[in-house]
């Protein structure tokens, strides 16, 4: 999978996560299932993005063999900026999904307590 495909899929997943949750218990259970599936997929995308960053870093590092370590680090950061941004988006997506799952679980627990009353 290339960076453009990953970015498109990450964008689509963020669009799904931007939707407001329905507080109906059945809807929340469905949302929890969807979020769990998104979490699994986001982990794969995160791994793919990390691979792209590592590969590009390795390819670019060859150009800077004769420079200092500090200079090499700075030059590499510039060379892989787009790939690093994609990796950061994947990390944020993964974190957002985890928070969504936690939120849904909290809402479900609250709804369950309300039904007891």
Protein backbone atom coordinates (compact mmCIF):
# COMPACT_ATOMS: atom_id res chain seq x y z
CA UNK A 1 0.00 0.00 0.00
CA UNK A 2 1.42 3.40 -0.90
CA UNK A 3 1.25 6.67 1.00
CA UNK A 4 -1.61 8.10 -1.07
CA UNK A 5 -3.79 5.04 -0.49
CA UNK A 6 -3.05 5.15 3.23
CA UNK A 7 -3.83 8.86 3.42
CA UNK A 8 -7.14 8.35 1.60
CA UNK A 9 -8.16 5.53 3.91
CA UNK A 10 -7.11 7.45 7.03
CA UNK A 11 -9.17 10.42 5.85
CA UNK A 12 -12.20 8.21 5.33
CA UNK A 13 -11.83 6.72 8.78
CA UNK A 14 -11.60 10.18 10.36
CA UNK A 15 -14.82 11.09 8.52
CA UNK A 16 -16.55 8.11 10.13
CA UNK A 17 -15.27 9.12 13.56
CA UNK A 18 -16.55 12.69 13.17
CA UNK A 19 -20.14 11.48 13.15
CA UNK A 20 -22.16 12.06 16.30
CA UNK A 21 -23.00 9.02 18.39
CA UNK A 22 -26.62 8.00 18.78
CA UNK A 23 -27.36 7.23 22.44
CA UNK A 24 -29.60 4.27 21.65
CA UNK A 25 -28.06 1.15 23.22
CA UNK A 26 -28.34 -0.93 20.05
CA UNK A 27 -26.74 1.86 18.01
CA UNK A 28 -23.96 2.18 20.57
CA UNK A 29 -23.28 -1.55 20.38
CA UNK A 30 -23.07 -1.28 16.60
CA UNK A 31 -20.76 1.73 16.94
CA UNK A 32 -18.56 -0.26 19.31
CA UNK A 33 -18.30 -3.07 16.76
CA UNK A 34 -17.44 -0.59 14.00
CA UNK A 35 -14.86 1.15 16.19
CA UNK A 36 -13.25 -2.20 17.01
CA UNK A 37 -12.95 -2.97 13.31
CA UNK A 38 -11.54 0.49 12.64
CA UNK A 39 -9.00 -0.02 15.39
CA UNK A 40 -7.76 -3.23 13.81
CA UNK A 41 -7.49 -1.58 10.40
CA UNK A 42 -5.81 1.52 11.83
CA UNK A 43 -3.14 -0.68 13.38
CA UNK A 44 -2.39 -2.11 9.94
CA UNK A 45 -2.25 1.38 8.43
CA UNK A 46 0.06 2.51 11.23
CA UNK A 47 2.42 -0.36 10.49
CA UNK A 48 2.33 0.42 6.75
CA UNK A 49 3.05 4.10 7.40
CA UNK A 50 5.96 3.20 9.69
CA UNK A 51 7.37 0.96 6.95
CA UNK A 52 7.14 3.81 4.43
CA UNK A 53 8.93 6.20 6.81
CA UNK A 54 11.67 3.68 7.60
CA UNK A 55 12.20 2.83 3.94
CA UNK A 56 12.37 6.49 2.87
CA UNK A 57 14.70 7.34 5.79
CA UNK A 58 17.03 4.54 4.71
CA UNK A 59 17.00 5.65 1.08
CA UNK A 60 17.65 9.28 1.97
CA UNK A 61 20.32 8.55 4.58
CA UNK A 62 22.66 7.31 1.89
CA UNK A 63 22.88 10.86 0.52
CA UNK A 64 24.19 12.22 3.80
CA UNK A 65 26.87 9.70 4.76
CA UNK A 66 29.58 12.37 4.88
CA UNK A 67 27.68 14.78 7.15
CA UNK A 68 27.53 14.96 10.93
CA UNK A 69 24.87 13.01 12.79
CA UNK A 70 23.04 16.20 13.80
CA UNK A 71 23.05 17.55 10.26
CA UNK A 72 21.97 14.18 8.89
CA UNK A 73 19.03 14.05 11.31
CA UNK A 74 17.89 17.53 10.26
CA UNK A 75 18.26 16.84 6.56
CA UNK A 76 16.44 13.51 6.86
CA UNK A 77 13.58 15.19 8.75
CA UNK A 78 13.10 17.48 5.77
CA UNK A 79 13.33 14.67 3.25
CA UNK A 80 10.72 12.52 4.98
CA UNK A 81 8.38 15.29 6.18
CA UNK A 82 5.38 14.08 4.18
CA UNK A 83 5.86 10.48 5.24
CA UNK A 84 6.33 11.53 8.87
CA UNK A 85 3.09 13.54 8.67
CA UNK A 86 1.27 10.46 7.42
CA UNK A 87 2.72 8.40 10.26
CA UNK A 88 1.58 11.03 12.78
CA UNK A 89 -1.93 10.98 11.26
CA UNK A 90 -2.04 7.20 11.63
CA UNK A 91 -0.93 7.46 15.25
CA UNK A 92 -3.60 10.11 15.93
CA UNK A 93 -6.24 7.99 14.18
CA UNK A 94 -5.37 5.00 16.31
CA UNK A 95 -5.53 7.09 19.48
CA UNK A 96 -8.84 8.67 18.45
CA UNK A 97 -10.40 5.26 17.89
CA UNK A 98 -9.25 4.05 21.31
CA UNK A 99 -10.81 7.13 22.91
CA UNK A 100 -14.02 6.56 20.95
CA UNK A 101 -14.22 2.98 22.19
CA UNK A 102 -13.68 4.16 25.77
CA UNK A 103 -16.35 6.82 25.31
CA UNK A 104 -18.87 4.34 23.94
CA UNK A 105 -18.20 1.98 26.84
CA UNK A 106 -18.72 4.81 29.33
CA UNK A 107 -21.99 5.83 27.68
CA UNK A 108 -23.17 2.22 27.64
CA UNK A 109 -22.38 1.88 31.35
CA UNK A 110 -24.25 5.09 32.13
CA UNK A 111 -27.25 4.01 30.08
CA UNK A 112 -27.22 0.65 31.83
CA UNK A 113 -27.27 2.39 35.23
CA UNK A 114 -30.11 4.65 34.13
CA UNK A 115 -32.19 1.63 33.13
CA UNK A 116 -31.71 0.18 36.62
CA UNK A 117 -33.30 3.28 38.20
